[in-house]
Protein backbone atom coordinates (compact mmCIF):
# COMPACT_ATOMS: atom_id res chain seq x y z
CA MET A 1 -9.47 -0.79 23.13
CA PRO A 2 -12.30 0.52 24.80
CA ASN A 3 -11.95 4.53 25.41
CA GLY A 4 -15.08 5.65 26.94
CA PHE A 5 -16.28 6.67 23.47
CA GLU A 6 -16.85 3.29 21.98
CA ASN A 7 -19.66 0.67 22.55
CA ILE A 8 -19.32 -2.99 22.21
CA ASP A 9 -20.88 -2.80 19.03
CA GLU A 10 -18.65 -0.91 17.67
CA ILE A 11 -15.87 -2.64 19.05
CA LYS A 12 -17.34 -5.94 17.40
CA GLN A 13 -17.21 -4.34 14.00
CA ALA A 14 -14.02 -2.92 14.36
CA ARG A 15 -12.57 -6.57 15.48
CA ALA A 16 -14.52 -8.12 12.54
CA PHE A 17 -13.31 -5.53 9.95
CA LYS A 18 -9.87 -6.06 10.65
CA LYS A 19 -9.87 -9.59 10.38
CA GLY A 20 -11.82 -9.40 7.18
CA ILE A 21 -8.73 -6.98 6.12
CA LYS A 22 -6.23 -10.08 7.17
CA ARG A 23 -8.09 -12.48 5.24
CA LEU A 24 -8.19 -10.32 1.80
CA ILE A 25 -4.30 -9.91 1.98
CA GLN A 26 -4.16 -13.74 2.82
CA GLN A 27 -6.09 -14.61 -0.45
CA GLU A 28 -3.81 -12.28 -2.48
CA PHE A 29 -0.65 -14.04 -1.05
CA GLU A 30 -2.27 -17.51 -1.94
CA ASP A 31 -3.89 -16.09 -5.71
CA GLY A 32 -0.35 -15.98 -6.62
CA MET A 33 0.87 -12.22 -5.51
CA PHE A 34 4.51 -12.57 -4.31
CA PRO A 35 5.63 -9.74 -1.88
CA TRP A 36 8.74 -8.20 -2.52
CA TRP A 37 8.89 -4.87 -0.82
CA PHE A 38 6.89 -4.04 2.44
CA ILE A 39 7.20 -0.16 2.55
CA SER A 40 5.95 2.12 5.64
CA PHE A 41 4.77 5.94 5.14
CA HIS A 42 4.57 8.37 7.84
CA TYR A 43 3.33 11.54 6.99
CA ASN A 44 5.62 14.53 8.37
CA ASP A 45 2.84 16.68 7.72
CA GLY A 46 0.38 15.54 10.39
CA LYS A 47 -1.85 13.87 7.40
CA THR A 48 -5.62 13.32 9.70
CA ASN A 49 -7.90 13.70 6.09
CA GLU A 50 -8.25 10.41 5.27
CA ASP A 51 -9.36 11.46 1.30
CA GLN A 52 -6.21 12.76 1.26
CA VAL A 53 -4.09 10.04 2.08
CA ILE A 54 -5.98 7.84 -0.30
CA LYS A 55 -5.30 10.43 -2.87
CA ASP A 56 -1.38 10.75 -2.16
CA MET A 57 -1.29 7.14 -2.38
CA ALA A 58 -2.78 6.91 -5.99
CA ASP A 59 -0.95 9.36 -7.05
CA LEU A 60 2.41 7.62 -5.47
CA LYS A 61 0.91 4.05 -6.96
CA ASN A 62 0.35 6.11 -10.36
CA LYS A 63 3.97 7.40 -10.55
CA LEU A 64 5.46 4.27 -10.02
CA LYS A 65 4.14 2.73 -12.62
CA ARG A 66 4.99 5.26 -15.34
CA GLU A 67 8.47 4.82 -14.18
CA ILE A 68 7.79 1.31 -14.49
CA TYR A 69 6.50 1.89 -18.04
CA ARG A 70 8.95 4.05 -18.91
CA ARG A 71 11.96 1.33 -17.77
CA ARG A 72 10.71 -1.65 -19.60
CA ASN A 73 12.69 -3.40 -22.19
CA ARG A 74 11.60 -2.02 -25.41
CA THR A 75 14.17 -4.32 -27.68
CA PHE A 76 11.14 -6.41 -27.83
CA LYS A 77 8.48 -5.63 -30.30
CA GLY A 78 4.84 -4.85 -28.34
CA ALA A 79 7.11 -4.74 -25.03
CA GLY A 80 4.23 -2.10 -24.18
CA LEU A 81 2.37 -5.03 -22.75
CA PHE A 82 3.47 -6.70 -19.59
CA PRO A 83 2.35 -7.43 -16.53
CA TYR A 84 3.29 -4.60 -13.69
CA PRO A 85 3.83 -5.79 -10.31
CA LYS A 86 0.94 -6.29 -7.58
CA MET A 87 0.48 -3.76 -5.54
CA LEU A 88 -1.98 -3.42 -1.70
CA VAL A 89 -1.91 -0.59 0.23
CA MET A 90 -3.31 -0.09 3.56
CA ASN A 91 -4.02 3.33 5.35
CA GLU A 92 -3.73 3.25 9.17
CA VAL A 93 -4.55 5.47 11.82
CA SER A 94 -2.33 5.72 14.46
CA HIS A 95 -3.26 4.19 17.87
CA LEU A 96 -1.23 7.12 19.80
CA GLY A 97 -4.49 8.74 19.46
CA THR A 98 -3.38 11.63 17.10
CA GLY A 99 -6.01 10.75 14.22
CA GLN A 100 -2.49 11.02 12.25
CA PHE A 101 -2.22 8.38 9.23
CA HIS A 102 0.52 6.28 8.20
CA SER A 103 0.91 4.12 4.66
CA HIS A 104 1.94 0.39 4.00
CA LEU A 105 2.49 -0.75 0.31
CA ILE A 106 3.33 -4.32 -0.25
CA THR A 107 4.28 -4.79 -3.88
CA GLU A 108 6.22 -7.50 -5.63
CA ALA A 109 9.51 -7.26 -6.96
CA LEU A 110 9.98 -4.17 -9.34
CA PRO A 111 11.87 -4.21 -12.98
CA GLY A 112 15.76 -4.39 -13.30
CA ARG A 113 17.17 -1.57 -11.48
CA LEU A 114 14.07 -0.33 -10.21
CA ASN A 115 14.16 -2.94 -7.48
CA SER A 116 17.10 -1.86 -5.33
CA GLN A 117 16.83 -0.15 -1.99
CA ARG A 118 18.45 2.73 -3.13
CA MET A 119 16.15 3.52 -6.37
CA MET A 120 12.49 2.86 -3.67
CA GLU A 121 14.14 5.24 -1.43
CA ILE A 122 14.31 7.89 -4.76
């Protein structure tokens, strides 16, 4: 793990942070999240700007929510009130030293026809 640029305190801090993230994800699963999809996004344009990656993933989550809302069952009165699937997004920096990000999305099952590999790819 040391690359000559990190000191021992930074390494300890990174390890503690990683353990904290693992505990947070585990807690979400224990609190009732039922993961269905694990999707990884690898950016072709060499994204190295964390703020841009965060913005891109927020845009993706909003698009998913709009699509889910659009496809809700409208035969029920008040069908606009329904739970969205829970989603977790993690952005990571490449371990190859490029500084390039990739992202992971863990989400519960999506409604009906959206919940297929073909629709997820679209």
